């Protein structure tokens, strides 16, 4: 018999983005994931930086999730990486920048 599958297999590469990808200590950023194994727990962590204790995020049946990640009030500033880890996929990363002071959205126009 012919045991070959005729359906093309799509290998999904999970990815994450931070929205916004900049924040100050005490800020909570939104981390959005795509193409993750559905229901497989995803742990998010900062490097460098201190990751607040949080339960893993469980991706939806379509492989997406939205999670919150806190920048601790006393944490360091500067560039860092958010890493998502879990069973069934290799760790994935996205850049983030911690700044001091106020944040103005990049698309905000100052009118005179």
PDB file of N, CA and C in Angstrom:
ATOM      1  N   UNK A   1       0.812  -1.195   0.000  1.00  0.00           N
ATOM      2  CA  UNK A   1       0.000   0.000   0.000  1.00  0.00           C
ATOM      3  C   UNK A   1       0.856   1.260   0.000  1.00  0.00           C
ATOM      4  N   UNK A   2       0.207   2.370  -0.245  1.00  0.00           N
ATOM      5  CA  UNK A   2       0.879   3.673  -0.276  1.00  0.00           C
ATOM      6  C   UNK A   2       0.626   4.393   1.040  1.00  0.00           C
ATOM      7  N   UNK A   3       1.656   4.477   1.866  1.00  0.00           N
ATOM      8  CA  UNK A   3       1.505   5.105   3.175  1.00  0.00           C
ATOM      9  C   UNK A   3       1.934   6.558   3.201  1.00  0.00           C
ATOM     10  N   UNK A   4       2.287   7.097   2.042  1.00  0.00           N
ATOM     11  CA  UNK A   4       2.766   8.474   2.027  1.00  0.00           C
ATOM     12  C   UNK A   4       1.613   9.459   2.180  1.00  0.00           C
ATOM     13  N   UNK A   5       1.848  10.483   2.957  1.00  0.00           N
ATOM     14  CA  UNK A   5       0.835  11.519   3.153  1.00  0.00           C
ATOM     15  C   UNK A   5       0.855  12.477   1.977  1.00  0.00           C
ATOM     16  N   UNK A   6      -0.316  12.852   1.522  1.00  0.00           N
ATOM     17  CA  UNK A   6      -0.424  13.805   0.413  1.00  0.00           C
ATOM     18  C   UNK A   6      -0.599  15.235   0.941  1.00  0.00           C
ATOM     19  N   UNK A   7      -0.746  15.369   2.242  1.00  0.00           N
ATOM     20  CA  UNK A   7      -0.944  16.702   2.828  1.00  0.00           C
ATOM     21  C   UNK A   7       0.422  17.300   3.144  1.00  0.00           C
ATOM     22  N   UNK A   8       0.722  18.504   2.612  1.00  0.00           N
ATOM     23  CA  UNK A   8       2.020  19.112   2.945  1.00  0.00           C
ATOM     24  C   UNK A   8       2.088  19.422   4.441  1.00  0.00           C
ATOM     25  N   UNK A   9       3.177  19.056   5.051  1.00  0.00           N
ATOM     26  CA  UNK A   9       3.355  19.290   6.481  1.00  0.00           C
ATOM     27  C   UNK A   9       3.955  20.671   6.682  1.00  0.00           C
ATOM     28  N   UNK A  10       3.283  21.477   7.492  1.00  0.00           N
ATOM     29  CA  UNK A  10       3.778  22.825   7.753  1.00  0.00           C
ATOM     30  C   UNK A  10       4.435  22.822   9.124  1.00  0.00           C
ATOM     31  N   UNK A  11       5.718  23.060   9.157  1.00  0.00           N
ATOM     32  CA  UNK A  11       6.436  23.141  10.423  1.00  0.00           C
ATOM     33  C   UNK A  11       6.301  24.567  10.934  1.00  0.00           C
ATOM     34  N   UNK A  12       5.702  24.709  12.096  1.00  0.00           N
ATOM     35  CA  UNK A  12       5.496  26.042  12.650  1.00  0.00           C
ATOM     36  C   UNK A  12       6.680  26.440  13.513  1.00  0.00           C
ATOM     37  N   UNK A  13       7.121  27.657  13.329  1.00  0.00           N
ATOM     38  CA  UNK A  13       8.188  28.200  14.163  1.00  0.00           C
ATOM     39  C   UNK A  13       7.543  29.232  15.081  1.00  0.00           C
ATOM     40  N   UNK A  14       7.403  28.890  16.376  1.00  0.00           N
ATOM     41  CA  UNK A  14       6.787  29.862  17.282  1.00  0.00           C
ATOM     42  C   UNK A  14       7.556  31.177  17.298  1.00  0.00           C
ATOM     43  N   UNK A  15       6.834  32.270  17.520  1.00  0.00           N
ATOM     44  CA  UNK A  15       7.505  33.560  17.675  1.00  0.00           C
ATOM     45  C   UNK A  15       6.723  34.435  18.643  1.00  0.00           C
ATOM     46  N   UNK A  16       7.445  35.369  19.253  1.00  0.00           N
ATOM     47  CA  UNK A  16       6.830  36.301  20.196  1.00  0.00           C
ATOM     48  C   UNK A  16       7.222  37.730  19.837  1.00  0.00           C
ATOM     49  N   UNK A  17       6.339  38.661  20.196  1.00  0.00           N
ATOM     50  CA  UNK A  17       6.666  40.084  20.109  1.00  0.00           C
ATOM     51  C   UNK A  17       6.175  40.742  21.390  1.00  0.00           C
ATOM     52  N   UNK A  18       6.848  41.803  21.790  1.00  0.00           N
ATOM     53  CA  UNK A  18       6.411  42.591  22.942  1.00  0.00           C
ATOM     54  C   UNK A  18       5.694  43.826  22.411  1.00  0.00           C
ATOM     55  N   UNK A  19       4.529  44.128  22.993  1.00  0.00           N
ATOM     56  CA  UNK A  19       3.743  45.297  22.583  1.00  0.00           C
ATOM     57  C   UNK A  19       3.422  46.125  23.818  1.00  0.00           C
ATOM     58  N   UNK A  20       4.064  47.280  24.007  1.00  0.00           N
ATOM     59  CA  UNK A  20       5.172  47.836  23.223  1.00  0.00           C
ATOM     60  C   UNK A  20       6.498  47.163  23.599  1.00  0.00           C
ATOM     61  N   UNK A  21       7.532  47.368  22.796  1.00  0.00           N
ATOM     62  CA  UNK A  21       8.841  46.750  23.030  1.00  0.00           C
ATOM     63  C   UNK A  21       9.754  47.669  23.841  1.00  0.00           C
ATOM     64  N   UNK A  22       9.142  48.618  24.561  1.00  0.00           N
ATOM     65  CA  UNK A  22       9.892  49.546  25.406  1.00  0.00           C
ATOM     66  C   UNK A  22       9.028  49.849  26.625  1.00  0.00           C
ATOM     67  N   UNK A  23       9.668  50.008  27.788  1.00  0.00           N
ATOM     68  CA  UNK A  23       8.906  50.320  28.995  1.00  0.00           C
ATOM     69  C   UNK A  23       9.836  50.729  30.109  1.00  0.00           C
ATOM     70  N   UNK A  24       9.238  51.267  31.176  1.00  0.00           N
ATOM     71  CA  UNK A  24      10.048  51.675  32.323  1.00  0.00           C
ATOM     72  C   UNK A  24       9.798  50.724  33.487  1.00  0.00           C
ATOM     73  N   UNK A  25      10.696  50.716  34.490  1.00  0.00           N
ATOM     74  CA  UNK A  25      10.459  49.860  35.655  1.00  0.00           C
ATOM     75  C   UNK A  25       9.067  50.102  36.235  1.00  0.00           C
ATOM     76  N   UNK A  26       8.368  49.011  36.587  1.00  0.00           N
ATOM     77  CA  UNK A  26       7.012  49.088  37.101  1.00  0.00           C
ATOM     78  C   UNK A  26       5.955  48.924  36.018  1.00  0.00           C
ATOM     79  N   UNK A  27       6.385  48.915  34.745  1.00  0.00           N
ATOM     80  CA  UNK A  27       5.477  48.805  33.604  1.00  0.00           C
ATOM     81  C   UNK A  27       5.191  47.335  33.303  1.00  0.00           C
ATOM     82  N   UNK A  28       3.988  47.054  32.813  1.00  0.00           N
ATOM     83  CA  UNK A  28       3.636  45.700  32.373  1.00  0.00           C
ATOM     84  C   UNK A  28       3.515  45.728  30.854  1.00  0.00           C
ATOM     85  N   UNK A  29       4.341  44.939  30.177  1.00  0.00           N
ATOM     86  CA  UNK A  29       4.242  44.860  28.719  1.00  0.00           C
ATOM     87  C   UNK A  29       3.407  43.650  28.339  1.00  0.00           C
ATOM     88  N   UNK A  30       2.861  43.692  27.144  1.00  0.00           N
ATOM     89  CA  UNK A  30       2.073  42.585  26.622  1.00  0.00           C
ATOM     90  C   UNK A  30       2.973  41.773  25.692  1.00  0.00           C
ATOM     91  N   UNK A  31       3.042  40.464  25.929  1.00  0.00           N
ATOM     92  CA  UNK A  31       3.834  39.584  25.068  1.00  0.00           C
ATOM     93  C   UNK A  31       2.852  38.745  24.264  1.00  0.00           C
ATOM     94  N   UNK A  32       2.954  38.837  22.943  1.00  0.00           N
ATOM     95  CA  UNK A  32       2.043  38.096  22.072  1.00  0.00           C
ATOM     96  C   UNK A  32       2.789  36.971  21.376  1.00  0.00           C
ATOM     97  N   UNK A  33       2.233  35.772  21.471  1.00  0.00           N
ATOM     98  CA  UNK A  33       2.843  34.599  20.864  1.00  0.00           C
ATOM     99  C   UNK A  33       2.012  34.086  19.712  1.00  0.00           C
ATOM    100  N   UNK A  34       2.683  33.441  18.762  1.00  0.00           N
ATOM    101  CA  UNK A  34       2.038  32.924  17.560  1.00  0.00           C
ATOM    102  C   UNK A  34       2.703  31.608  17.176  1.00  0.00           C
ATOM    103  N   UNK A  35       1.909  30.660  16.668  1.00  0.00           N
ATOM    104  CA  UNK A  35       2.406  29.360  16.174  1.00  0.00           C
ATOM    105  C   UNK A  35       3.026  28.498  17.274  1.00  0.00           C
ATOM    106  N   UNK A  36       2.500  28.588  18.501  1.00  0.00           N
ATOM    107  CA  UNK A  36       2.961  27.737  19.600  1.00  0.00           C
ATOM    108  C   UNK A  36       2.145  26.450  19.630  1.00  0.00           C
ATOM    109  N   UNK A  37       2.712  25.362  20.218  1.00  0.00           N
ATOM    110  CA  UNK A  37       1.916  24.137  20.369  1.00  0.00           C
ATOM    111  C   UNK A  37       0.711  24.437  21.276  1.00  0.00           C
ATOM    112  N   UNK A  38      -0.523  24.229  20.804  1.00  0.00           N
ATOM    113  CA  UNK A  38      -1.700  24.550  21.620  1.00  0.00           C
ATOM    114  C   UNK A  38      -1.685  23.815  22.957  1.00  0.00           C
ATOM    115  N   UNK A  39      -1.966  24.542  24.024  1.00  0.00           N
ATOM    116  CA  UNK A  39      -2.069  23.944  25.350  1.00  0.00           C
ATOM    117  C   UNK A  39      -0.755  23.616  26.030  1.00  0.00           C
ATOM    118  N   UNK A  40       0.383  23.788  25.350  1.00  0.00           N
ATOM    119  CA  UNK A  40       1.687  23.508  25.975  1.00  0.00           C
ATOM    120  C   UNK A  40       2.108  24.732  26.786  1.00  0.00           C
ATOM    121  N   UNK A  41       2.387  24.566  28.093  1.00  0.00           N
ATOM    122  CA  UNK A  41       2.689  25.737  28.933  1.00  0.00           C
ATOM    123  C   UNK A  41       3.930  26.501  28.471  1.00  0.00           C
ATOM    124  N   UNK A  42       3.789  27.817  28.399  1.00  0.00           N
ATOM    125  CA  UNK A  42       4.879  28.698  27.968  1.00  0.00           C
ATOM    126  C   UNK A  42       5.305  29.554  29.152  1.00  0.00           C
ATOM    127  N   UNK A  43       6.599  29.490  29.497  1.00  0.00           N
ATOM    128  CA  UNK A  43       7.159  30.329  30.562  1.00  0.00           C
ATOM    129  C   UNK A  43       7.925  31.472  29.919  1.00  0.00           C
ATOM    130  N   UNK A  44       7.662  32.697  30.385  1.00  0.00           N
ATOM    131  CA  UNK A  44       8.367  33.875  29.877  1.00  0.00           C
ATOM    132  C   UNK A  44       9.399  34.325  30.893  1.00  0.00           C
ATOM    133  N   UNK A  45      10.552  34.775  30.414  1.00  0.00           N
ATOM    134  CA  UNK A  45      11.578  35.278  31.332  1.00  0.00           C
ATOM    135  C   UNK A  45      12.359  36.419  30.697  1.00  0.00           C
ATOM    136  N   UNK A  46      12.922  37.261  31.567  1.00  0.00           N
ATOM    137  CA  UNK A  46      13.795  38.369  31.163  1.00  0.00           C
ATOM    138  C   UNK A  46      15.244  37.909  31.220  1.00  0.00           C
ATOM    139  N   UNK A  47      16.081  38.432  30.332  1.00  0.00           N
ATOM    140  CA  UNK A  47      17.520  38.253  30.445  1.00  0.00           C
ATOM    141  C   UNK A  47      18.214  39.457  29.805  1.00  0.00           C
ATOM    142  N   UNK A  48      18.947  40.278  30.552  1.00  0.00           N
ATOM    143  CA  UNK A  48      19.079  40.203  32.013  1.00  0.00           C
ATOM    144  C   UNK A  48      17.811  40.744  32.664  1.00  0.00           C
ATOM    145  N   UNK A  49      17.766  40.692  33.973  1.00  0.00           N
ATOM    146  CA  UNK A  49      16.622  41.232  34.693  1.00  0.00           C
ATOM    147  C   UNK A  49      15.986  40.187  35.579  1.00  0.00           C
ATOM    148  N   UNK A  50      15.052  40.640  36.390  1.00  0.00           N
ATOM    149  CA  UNK A  50      14.381  39.787  37.361  1.00  0.00           C
ATOM    150  C   UNK A  50      12.994  39.483  36.815  1.00  0.00           C
ATOM    151  N   UNK A  51      12.658  38.199  36.720  1.00  0.00           N
ATOM    152  CA  UNK A  51      11.335  37.809  36.244  1.00  0.00           C
ATOM    153  C   UNK A  51      10.436  37.582  37.446  1.00  0.00           C
ATOM    154  N   UNK A  52       9.326  38.323  37.520  1.00  0.00           N
ATOM    155  CA  UNK A  52       8.353  38.130  38.596  1.00  0.00           C
ATOM    156  C   UNK A  52       7.722  36.748  38.443  1.00  0.00           C
ATOM    157  N   UNK A  53       7.443  36.099  39.568  1.00  0.00           N
ATOM    158  CA  UNK A  53       6.821  34.773  39.533  1.00  0.00           C
ATOM    159  C   UNK A  53       5.463  34.865  38.849  1.00  0.00           C
ATOM    160  N   UNK A  54       5.227  33.985  37.906  1.00  0.00           N
ATOM    161  CA  UNK A  54       3.943  33.967  37.197  1.00  0.00           C
ATOM    162  C   UNK A  54       3.668  32.553  36.711  1.00  0.00           C
ATOM    163  N   UNK A  55       2.391  32.218  36.638  1.00  0.00           N
ATOM    164  CA  UNK A  55       2.000  30.911  36.108  1.00  0.00           C
ATOM    165  C   UNK A  55       2.303  30.880  34.609  1.00  0.00           C
ATOM    166  N   UNK A  56       2.624  29.696  34.072  1.00  0.00           N
ATOM    167  CA  UNK A  56       2.850  29.611  32.624  1.00  0.00           C
ATOM    168  C   UNK A  56       1.586  30.016  31.862  1.00  0.00           C
ATOM    169  N   UNK A  57       1.778  30.490  30.660  1.00  0.00           N
ATOM    170  CA  UNK A  57       0.677  30.852  29.771  1.00  0.00           C
ATOM    171  C   UNK A  57       0.345  29.643  28.908  1.00  0.00           C
ATOM    172  N   UNK A  58      -0.936  29.388  28.694  1.00  0.00           N
ATOM    173  CA  UNK A  58      -1.345  28.275  27.836  1.00  0.00           C
ATOM    174  C   UNK A  58      -1.852  28.825  26.501  1.00  0.00           C
ATOM    175  N   UNK A  59      -1.176  28.483  25.393  1.00  0.00           N
ATOM    176  CA  UNK A  59      -1.631  28.961  24.084  1.00  0.00           C
ATOM    177  C   UNK A  59      -3.031  28.445  23.742  1.00  0.00           C
ATOM    178  N   UNK A  60      -3.764  29.244  22.976  1.00  0.00           N
ATOM    179  CA  UNK A  60      -5.097  28.878  22.490  1.00  0.00           C
ATOM    180  C   UNK A  60      -4.986  27.738  21.477  1.00  0.00           C
ATOM    181  N   UNK A  61      -6.141  27.122  21.106  1.00  0.00           N
ATOM    182  CA  UNK A  61      -6.107  26.053  20.090  1.00  0.00           C
ATOM    183  C   UNK A  61      -5.447  26.476  18.772  1.00  0.00           C
ATOM    184  N   UNK A  62      -5.489  27.788  18.448  1.00  0.00           N
ATOM    185  CA  UNK A  62      -4.839  28.255  17.207  1.00  0.00           C
ATOM    186  C   UNK A  62      -3.354  28.579  17.402  1.00  0.00           C
ATOM    187  N   UNK A  63      -2.816  28.312  18.616  1.00  0.00           N
ATOM    188  CA  UNK A  63      -1.386  28.506  18.853  1.00  0.00           C
ATOM    189  C   UNK A  63      -0.988  29.909  19.259  1.00  0.00           C
ATOM    190  N   UNK A  64      -1.972  30.790  19.505  1.00  0.00           N
ATOM    191  CA  UNK A  64      -1.658  32.164  19.911  1.00  0.00           C
ATOM    192  C   UNK A  64      -1.847  32.344  21.411  1.00  0.00           C
ATOM    193  N   UNK A  65      -1.184  33.347  21.962  1.00  0.00           N
ATOM    194  CA  UNK A  65      -1.436  33.746  23.345  1.00  0.00           C
ATOM    195  C   UNK A  65      -1.077  35.212  23.518  1.00  0.00           C
ATOM    196  N   UNK A  66      -1.650  35.818  24.543  1.00  0.00           N
ATOM    197  CA  UNK A  66      -1.252  37.161  24.978  1.00  0.00           C
ATOM    198  C   UNK A  66      -1.000  37.049  26.471  1.00  0.00           C
ATOM    199  N   UNK A  67       0.202  37.416  26.889  1.00  0.00           N
ATOM    200  CA  UNK A  67       0.571  37.330  28.304  1.00  0.00           C
ATOM    201  C   UNK A  67       1.117  38.677  28.761  1.00  0.00           C
ATOM    202  N   UNK A  68       1.097  38.889  30.053  1.00  0.00           N
ATOM    203  CA  UNK A  68       1.649  40.116  30.622  1.00  0.00           C
ATOM    204  C   UNK A  68       2.994  39.794  31.263  1.00  0.00           C
ATOM    205  N   UNK A  69       3.937  40.723  31.140  1.00  0.00           N
ATOM    206  CA  UNK A  69       5.245  40.554  31.760  1.00  0.00           C
ATOM    207  C   UNK A  69       5.611  41.858  32.455  1.00  0.00           C
ATOM    208  N   UNK A  70       5.844  41.760  33.759  1.00  0.00           N
ATOM    209  CA  UNK A  70       6.117  42.931  34.595  1.00  0.00           C
ATOM    210  C   UNK A  70       7.607  43.244  34.623  1.00  0.00           C
ATOM    211  N   UNK A  71       7.930  44.532  34.476  1.00  0.00           N
ATOM    212  CA  UNK A  71       9.295  45.000  34.729  1.00  0.00           C
ATOM    213  C   UNK A  71       9.285  45.436  36.189  1.00  0.00           C
ATOM    214  N   UNK A  72      10.023  44.754  37.035  1.00  0.00           N
ATOM    215  CA  UNK A  72      10.007  45.084  38.462  1.00  0.00           C
ATOM    216  C   UNK A  72      10.502  46.508  38.695  1.00  0.00           C
ATOM    217  N   UNK A  73       9.915  47.168  39.696  1.00  0.00           N
ATOM    218  CA  UNK A  73      10.188  48.587  39.952  1.00  0.00           C
ATOM    219  C   UNK A  73      11.670  48.879  40.180  1.00  0.00           C
ATOM    220  N   UNK A  74      12.392  47.951  40.818  1.00  0.00           N
ATOM    221  CA  UNK A  74      13.809  48.189  41.136  1.00  0.00           C
ATOM    222  C   UNK A  74      14.754  47.576  40.100  1.00  0.00           C
ATOM    223  N   UNK A  75      14.197  47.107  38.990  1.00  0.00           N
ATOM    224  CA  UNK A  75      15.022  46.395  38.007  1.00  0.00           C
ATOM    225  C   UNK A  75      15.890  47.354  37.188  1.00  0.00           C
ATOM    226  N   UNK A  76      16.900  46.786  36.549  1.00  0.00           N
ATOM    227  CA  UNK A  76      17.866  47.570  35.776  1.00  0.00           C
ATOM    228  C   UNK A  76      17.259  48.071  34.470  1.00  0.00           C
ATOM    229  N   UNK A  77      17.861  49.148  33.947  1.00  0.00           N
ATOM    230  CA  UNK A  77      17.422  49.688  32.663  1.00  0.00           C
ATOM    231  C   UNK A  77      18.361  49.191  31.565  1.00  0.00           C
ATOM    232  N   UNK A  78      17.965  49.434  30.326  1.00  0.00           N
ATOM    233  CA  UNK A  78      18.791  49.051  29.188  1.00  0.00           C
ATOM    234  C   UNK A  78      18.155  47.937  28.383  1.00  0.00           C
ATOM    235  N   UNK A  79      18.853  47.494  27.332  1.00  0.00           N
ATOM    236  CA  UNK A  79      18.305  46.447  26.474  1.00  0.00           C
ATOM    237  C   UNK A  79      18.290  45.097  27.176  1.00  0.00           C
ATOM    238  N   UNK A  80      17.312  44.287  26.853  1.00  0.00           N
ATOM    239  CA  UNK A  80      17.202  42.936  27.401  1.00  0.00           C
ATOM    240  C   UNK A  80      16.426  42.081  26.416  1.00  0.00           C
ATOM    241  N   UNK A  81      16.304  40.818  26.752  1.00  0.00           N
ATOM    242  CA  UNK A  81      15.611  39.874  25.880  1.00  0.00           C
ATOM    243  C   UNK A  81      14.492  39.199  26.660  1.00  0.00           C
ATOM    244  N   UNK A  82      13.353  39.017  26.004  1.00  0.00           N
ATOM    245  CA  UNK A  82      12.280  38.189  26.558  1.00  0.00           C
ATOM    246  C   UNK A  82      12.415  36.827  25.886  1.00  0.00           C
ATOM    247  N   UNK A  83      12.438  35.761  26.693  1.00  0.00           N
ATOM    248  CA  UNK A  83      12.531  34.406  26.157  1.00  0.00           C
ATOM    249  C   UNK A  83      11.289  33.619  26.559  1.00  0.00           C
ATOM    250  N   UNK A  84      10.723  32.890  25.599  1.00  0.00           N
ATOM    251  CA  UNK A  84       9.602  31.977  25.859  1.00  0.00           C
ATOM    252  C   UNK A  84      10.133  30.556  25.758  1.00  0.00           C
ATOM    253  N   UNK A  85       9.869  29.755  26.810  1.00  0.00           N
ATOM    254  CA  UNK A  85      10.331  28.361  26.842  1.00  0.00           C
ATOM    255  C   UNK A  85       9.160  27.448  27.183  1.00  0.00           C
ATOM    256  N   UNK A  86       9.252  26.207  26.713  1.00  0.00           N
ATOM    257  CA  UNK A  86       8.224  25.233  27.057  1.00  0.00           C
ATOM    258  C   UNK A  86       8.435  23.944  26.298  1.00  0.00           C
ATOM    259  N   UNK A  87       7.597  22.937  26.587  1.00  0.00           N
ATOM    260  CA  UNK A  87       7.732  21.643  25.914  1.00  0.00           C
ATOM    261  C   UNK A  87       7.285  21.725  24.457  1.00  0.00           C
ATOM    262  N   UNK A  88       8.003  21.039  23.587  1.00  0.00           N
ATOM    263  CA  UNK A  88       7.577  20.927  22.196  1.00  0.00           C
ATOM    264  C   UNK A  88       8.068  22.015  21.265  1.00  0.00           C
ATOM    265  N   UNK A  89       8.889  22.935  21.764  1.00  0.00           N
ATOM    266  CA  UNK A  89       9.453  23.965  20.882  1.00  0.00           C
ATOM    267  C   UNK A  89      10.774  24.459  21.456  1.00  0.00           C
ATOM    268  N   UNK A  90      11.633  24.981  20.577  1.00  0.00           N
ATOM    269  CA  UNK A  90      12.905  25.567  21.016  1.00  0.00           C
ATOM    270  C   UNK A  90      12.627  26.944  21.607  1.00  0.00           C
ATOM    271  N   UNK A  91      13.459  27.411  22.553  1.00  0.00           N
ATOM    272  CA  UNK A  91      13.241  28.749  23.121  1.00  0.00           C
ATOM    273  C   UNK A  91      13.212  29.824  22.032  1.00  0.00           C
ATOM    274  N   UNK A  92      12.275  30.756  22.150  1.00  0.00           N
ATOM    275  CA  UNK A  92      12.177  31.874  21.203  1.00  0.00           C
ATOM    276  C   UNK A  92      12.332  33.182  21.957  1.00  0.00           C
ATOM    277  N   UNK A  93      12.898  34.174  21.283  1.00  0.00           N
ATOM    278  CA  UNK A  93      13.259  35.435  21.944  1.00  0.00           C
ATOM    279  C   UNK A  93      12.766  36.640  21.167  1.00  0.00           C
ATOM    280  N   UNK A  94      12.631  37.752  21.893  1.00  0.00           N
ATOM    281  CA  UNK A  94      12.329  39.035  21.272  1.00  0.00           C
ATOM    282  C   UNK A  94      13.011  40.122  22.096  1.00  0.00           C
ATOM    283  N   UNK A  95      13.503  41.180  21.446  1.00  0.00           N
ATOM    284  CA  UNK A  95      14.194  42.238  22.193  1.00  0.00           C
ATOM    285  C   UNK A  95      13.224  43.167  22.922  1.00  0.00           C
ATOM    286  N   UNK A  96      13.723  43.777  23.996  1.00  0.00           N
ATOM    287  CA  UNK A  96      12.941  44.735  24.782  1.00  0.00           C
ATOM    288  C   UNK A  96      13.912  45.767  25.336  1.00  0.00           C
ATOM    289  N   UNK A  97      13.420  46.993  25.563  1.00  0.00           N
ATOM    290  CA  UNK A  97      14.265  48.050  26.111  1.00  0.00           C
ATOM    291  C   UNK A  97      13.595  48.646  27.339  1.00  0.00           C
ATOM    292  N   UNK A  98      14.324  48.653  28.456  1.00  0.00           N
ATOM    293  CA  UNK A  98      13.833  49.275  29.690  1.00  0.00           C
ATOM    294  C   UNK A  98      14.466  50.656  29.802  1.00  0.00           C
ATOM    295  N   UNK A  99      13.620  51.675  29.960  1.00  0.00           N
ATOM    296  CA  UNK A  99      14.081  53.065  30.020  1.00  0.00           C
ATOM    297  C   UNK A  99      13.574  53.720  31.295  1.00  0.00           C
ATOM    298  N   UNK A 100      14.209  54.804  31.680  1.00  0.00           N
ATOM    299  CA  UNK A 100      13.726  55.595  32.808  1.00  0.00           C
ATOM    300  C   UNK A 100      12.853  56.722  32.291  1.00  0.00           C
ATOM    301  N   UNK A 101      11.947  57.206  33.129  1.00  0.00           N
ATOM    302  CA  UNK A 101      11.164  58.385  32.768  1.00  0.00           C
ATOM    303  C   UNK A 101       9.933  58.067  31.965  1.00  0.00           C
ATOM    304  N   UNK A 102       9.412  59.087  31.296  1.00  0.00           N
ATOM    305  CA  UNK A 102       8.144  58.938  30.586  1.00  0.00           C
ATOM    306  C   UNK A 102       8.368  58.371  29.196  1.00  0.00           C
ATOM    307  N   UNK A 103       7.365  57.697  28.716  1.00  0.00           N
ATOM    308  CA  UNK A 103       7.424  57.090  27.390  1.00  0.00           C
ATOM    309  C   UNK A 103       6.377  57.770  26.525  1.00  0.00           C
ATOM    310  N   UNK A 104       6.792  58.241  25.367  1.00  0.00           N
ATOM    311  CA  UNK A 104       5.858  58.827  24.409  1.00  0.00           C
ATOM    312  C   UNK A 104       5.695  57.838  23.268  1.00  0.00           C
ATOM    313  N   UNK A 105       4.461  57.525  22.900  1.00  0.00           N
ATOM    314  CA  UNK A 105       4.295  56.618  21.762  1.00  0.00           C
ATOM    315  C   UNK A 105       5.013  57.167  20.532  1.00  0.00           C
ATOM    316  N   UNK A 106       5.649  56.296  19.744  1.00  0.00           N
ATOM    317  CA  UNK A 106       6.443  56.760  18.603  1.00  0.00           C
ATOM    318  C   UNK A 106       5.617  57.506  17.557  1.00  0.00           C
ATOM    319  N   UNK A 107       4.299  57.237  17.492  1.00  0.00           N
ATOM    320  CA  UNK A 107       3.490  57.879  16.459  1.00  0.00           C
ATOM    321  C   UNK A 107       2.793  59.149  16.961  1.00  0.00           C
ATOM    322  N   UNK A 108       3.103  59.561  18.174  1.00  0.00           N
ATOM    323  CA  UNK A 108       2.445  60.748  18.717  1.00  0.00           C
ATOM    324  C   UNK A 108       3.051  62.016  18.123  1.00  0.00           C
ATOM    325  N   UNK A 109       2.193  62.860  17.584  1.00  0.00           N
ATOM    326  CA  UNK A 109       2.646  64.120  16.988  1.00  0.00           C
ATOM    327  C   UNK A 109       2.369  65.242  17.980  1.00  0.00           C
ATOM    328  N   UNK A 110       3.372  66.036  18.251  1.00  0.00           N
ATOM    329  CA  UNK A 110       3.203  67.165  19.165  1.00  0.00           C
ATOM    330  C   UNK A 110       2.748  68.369  18.347  1.00  0.00           C
ATOM    331  N   UNK A 111       1.564  68.870  18.681  1.00  0.00           N
ATOM    332  CA  UNK A 111       1.011  70.017  17.941  1.00  0.00           C
ATOM    333  C   UNK A 111       1.345  71.308  18.680  1.00  0.00           C
ATOM    334  N   UNK A 112       1.668  72.336  17.924  1.00  0.00           N
ATOM    335  CA  UNK A 112       1.979  73.639  18.523  1.00  0.00           C
ATOM    336  C   UNK A 112       0.743  74.525  18.521  1.00  0.00           C
TER     337      UNK A 112
END
